[in-house]
N, C-alpha and C. Protein backbone atom coordinates (compact mmCIF):
# COMPACT_ATOMS: atom_id res chain seq x y z
N MET A 1 97.51 80.08 112.83
CA MET A 1 97.63 80.80 114.07
C MET A 1 97.36 79.88 115.27
N ALA A 2 97.18 78.61 114.93
CA ALA A 2 96.93 77.65 116.02
C ALA A 2 98.08 77.69 117.01
N GLY A 3 97.73 77.69 118.26
CA GLY A 3 98.75 77.67 119.30
C GLY A 3 99.21 79.04 119.76
N LEU A 4 98.74 80.10 119.14
CA LEU A 4 99.20 81.43 119.52
C LEU A 4 98.83 81.74 120.96
N THR A 5 97.61 81.47 121.35
CA THR A 5 97.18 81.82 122.71
C THR A 5 97.98 81.06 123.76
N GLU A 6 98.45 79.86 123.44
CA GLU A 6 99.25 79.09 124.39
C GLU A 6 100.66 79.67 124.53
N ARG A 7 101.12 80.41 123.53
CA ARG A 7 102.47 80.97 123.55
C ARG A 7 102.54 82.37 124.14
N LEU A 8 101.39 82.94 124.46
CA LEU A 8 101.38 84.29 125.01
C LEU A 8 101.52 84.23 126.53
N PRO A 9 102.23 85.19 127.11
CA PRO A 9 102.36 85.23 128.57
C PRO A 9 101.00 85.44 129.24
N ALA A 10 100.92 85.12 130.50
CA ALA A 10 99.68 85.26 131.26
C ALA A 10 99.17 86.70 131.26
N ALA A 11 100.04 87.67 131.04
CA ALA A 11 99.63 89.08 131.00
C ALA A 11 98.61 89.33 129.89
N TYR A 12 98.58 88.47 128.89
CA TYR A 12 97.64 88.63 127.77
C TYR A 12 96.48 87.67 127.89
N ASP A 13 96.20 87.21 129.10
CA ASP A 13 95.10 86.30 129.32
C ASP A 13 93.81 87.10 129.41
N GLY A 14 93.02 87.04 128.37
CA GLY A 14 91.76 87.77 128.33
C GLY A 14 90.80 87.04 127.42
N PRO A 15 89.61 87.60 127.22
CA PRO A 15 88.65 86.97 126.32
C PRO A 15 89.25 86.83 124.92
N VAL A 16 89.08 85.65 124.32
CA VAL A 16 89.65 85.36 123.00
C VAL A 16 88.51 85.19 122.00
N ASP A 17 88.66 85.84 120.85
CA ASP A 17 87.71 85.71 119.75
C ASP A 17 88.49 85.21 118.55
N THR A 18 88.05 84.11 117.94
CA THR A 18 88.79 83.55 116.80
C THR A 18 88.00 83.64 115.50
N ASP A 19 87.04 84.55 115.41
CA ASP A 19 86.25 84.68 114.19
C ASP A 19 87.09 85.15 113.00
N HIS A 20 88.02 86.06 113.22
CA HIS A 20 88.79 86.65 112.12
C HIS A 20 90.29 86.57 112.37
N GLY A 21 90.75 85.58 113.09
CA GLY A 21 92.13 85.46 113.50
C GLY A 21 92.12 85.16 114.99
N VAL A 22 93.05 85.75 115.71
CA VAL A 22 93.07 85.63 117.17
C VAL A 22 93.02 87.03 117.74
N ARG A 23 91.89 87.36 118.34
CA ARG A 23 91.73 88.67 118.99
C ARG A 23 91.63 88.45 120.49
N ILE A 24 92.44 89.19 121.24
CA ILE A 24 92.42 89.10 122.69
C ILE A 24 92.16 90.48 123.26
N ASP A 25 91.16 90.57 124.11
CA ASP A 25 90.84 91.82 124.78
C ASP A 25 91.70 91.96 126.03
N LEU A 26 92.25 93.13 126.21
CA LEU A 26 93.10 93.45 127.35
C LEU A 26 92.39 94.48 128.22
N PRO A 27 92.84 94.68 129.44
CA PRO A 27 92.19 95.68 130.29
C PRO A 27 92.16 97.08 129.67
N LYS A 28 93.20 97.44 128.90
CA LYS A 28 93.24 98.80 128.33
C LYS A 28 93.24 98.81 126.81
N GLY A 29 92.82 97.73 126.18
CA GLY A 29 92.81 97.71 124.73
C GLY A 29 92.58 96.30 124.20
N TRP A 30 93.08 96.03 123.00
CA TRP A 30 92.93 94.73 122.37
C TRP A 30 93.99 94.58 121.30
N PHE A 31 94.17 93.33 120.83
CA PHE A 31 94.98 93.11 119.65
C PHE A 31 94.40 91.95 118.86
N LEU A 32 94.65 91.96 117.56
CA LEU A 32 94.18 90.94 116.64
C LEU A 32 95.35 90.52 115.77
N VAL A 33 95.57 89.22 115.70
CA VAL A 33 96.60 88.66 114.83
C VAL A 33 95.87 87.80 113.81
N ARG A 34 96.12 88.06 112.53
CA ARG A 34 95.47 87.27 111.49
C ARG A 34 96.35 87.19 110.26
N SER A 35 96.16 86.15 109.50
CA SER A 35 96.92 86.03 108.27
C SER A 35 96.21 86.85 107.19
N SER A 36 97.00 87.40 106.29
CA SER A 36 96.45 88.18 105.20
C SER A 36 95.74 87.24 104.22
N GLY A 37 94.65 87.69 103.67
CA GLY A 37 93.94 86.90 102.67
C GLY A 37 94.49 87.06 101.27
N THR A 38 95.35 88.06 101.05
CA THR A 38 95.85 88.33 99.71
C THR A 38 97.36 88.29 99.58
N GLU A 39 98.06 88.28 100.71
CA GLU A 39 99.53 88.30 100.68
C GLU A 39 100.06 87.30 101.70
N PRO A 40 101.30 86.86 101.54
CA PRO A 40 101.88 85.91 102.50
C PRO A 40 102.39 86.62 103.77
N TYR A 41 101.50 87.31 104.45
CA TYR A 41 101.86 88.07 105.64
C TYR A 41 100.94 87.72 106.81
N VAL A 42 101.44 87.94 107.98
CA VAL A 42 100.63 87.90 109.19
C VAL A 42 100.49 89.34 109.64
N ARG A 43 99.28 89.76 109.90
CA ARG A 43 99.02 91.14 110.29
C ARG A 43 98.69 91.21 111.77
N LEU A 44 99.16 92.27 112.39
CA LEU A 44 98.91 92.51 113.81
C LEU A 44 98.25 93.87 113.93
N TYR A 45 97.02 93.88 114.42
CA TYR A 45 96.27 95.10 114.67
C TYR A 45 96.17 95.27 116.18
N ALA A 46 96.26 96.49 116.66
CA ALA A 46 96.18 96.70 118.10
C ALA A 46 95.64 98.09 118.41
N GLU A 47 94.95 98.16 119.54
CA GLU A 47 94.51 99.43 120.08
C GLU A 47 94.85 99.39 121.56
N HIS A 48 95.66 100.34 121.98
CA HIS A 48 96.17 100.34 123.36
C HIS A 48 96.77 101.71 123.63
N PRO A 49 96.76 102.18 124.87
CA PRO A 49 97.36 103.48 125.18
C PRO A 49 98.84 103.56 124.78
N ASP A 50 99.57 102.46 124.88
CA ASP A 50 100.98 102.42 124.46
C ASP A 50 101.13 101.34 123.40
N VAL A 51 100.51 101.59 122.25
CA VAL A 51 100.43 100.58 121.19
C VAL A 51 101.82 100.16 120.69
N ASP A 52 102.76 101.07 120.61
CA ASP A 52 104.09 100.70 120.13
C ASP A 52 104.76 99.68 121.04
N ALA A 53 104.66 99.88 122.34
CA ALA A 53 105.24 98.94 123.29
C ALA A 53 104.53 97.59 123.22
N LEU A 54 103.21 97.60 123.09
CA LEU A 54 102.45 96.36 123.01
C LEU A 54 102.85 95.57 121.77
N VAL A 55 102.94 96.23 120.64
CA VAL A 55 103.31 95.55 119.39
C VAL A 55 104.73 94.99 119.50
N GLU A 56 105.63 95.74 120.07
CA GLU A 56 107.01 95.26 120.24
C GLU A 56 107.04 94.01 121.12
N GLU A 57 106.27 94.00 122.19
CA GLU A 57 106.21 92.83 123.08
C GLU A 57 105.62 91.62 122.35
N LEU A 58 104.59 91.84 121.58
CA LEU A 58 103.90 90.74 120.92
C LEU A 58 104.66 90.16 119.74
N ARG A 59 105.50 90.94 119.12
CA ARG A 59 106.17 90.52 117.89
C ARG A 59 106.86 89.17 118.03
N GLY A 60 107.64 88.98 119.09
CA GLY A 60 108.35 87.72 119.28
C GLY A 60 107.42 86.55 119.47
N HIS A 61 106.34 86.75 120.21
CA HIS A 61 105.38 85.67 120.44
C HIS A 61 104.67 85.28 119.15
N VAL A 62 104.31 86.26 118.34
CA VAL A 62 103.64 86.00 117.09
C VAL A 62 104.59 85.29 116.12
N GLU A 63 105.84 85.75 116.04
CA GLU A 63 106.82 85.10 115.16
C GLU A 63 107.02 83.65 115.57
N ALA A 64 107.12 83.36 116.85
CA ALA A 64 107.31 82.00 117.32
C ALA A 64 106.11 81.12 116.97
N ALA A 65 104.92 81.65 117.10
CA ALA A 65 103.71 80.88 116.76
C ALA A 65 103.64 80.58 115.27
N VAL A 66 104.02 81.55 114.44
CA VAL A 66 103.98 81.34 113.00
C VAL A 66 105.03 80.30 112.59
N GLU A 67 106.22 80.41 113.16
CA GLU A 67 107.27 79.46 112.81
C GLU A 67 106.93 78.04 113.27
N ALA A 68 106.19 77.91 114.37
CA ALA A 68 105.83 76.59 114.90
C ALA A 68 104.68 75.96 114.10
N ALA A 69 103.95 76.78 113.36
CA ALA A 69 102.77 76.26 112.62
C ALA A 69 103.18 75.51 111.38
């Protein structure tokens, strides 16, 4: 997940926690991107008033970061 925070737009500029992946706190929620420990997947967890829109926006950025790694 190295480089993910550099690939995110400034709109997602918030406190970053890398204890369990990449978690970024937003004004109205948060999201966490982490690789699965048991499967070849990257998981995206989010809590936000419009979580579907947030996940859709983040999908391309996360895919680009994974492909670049």
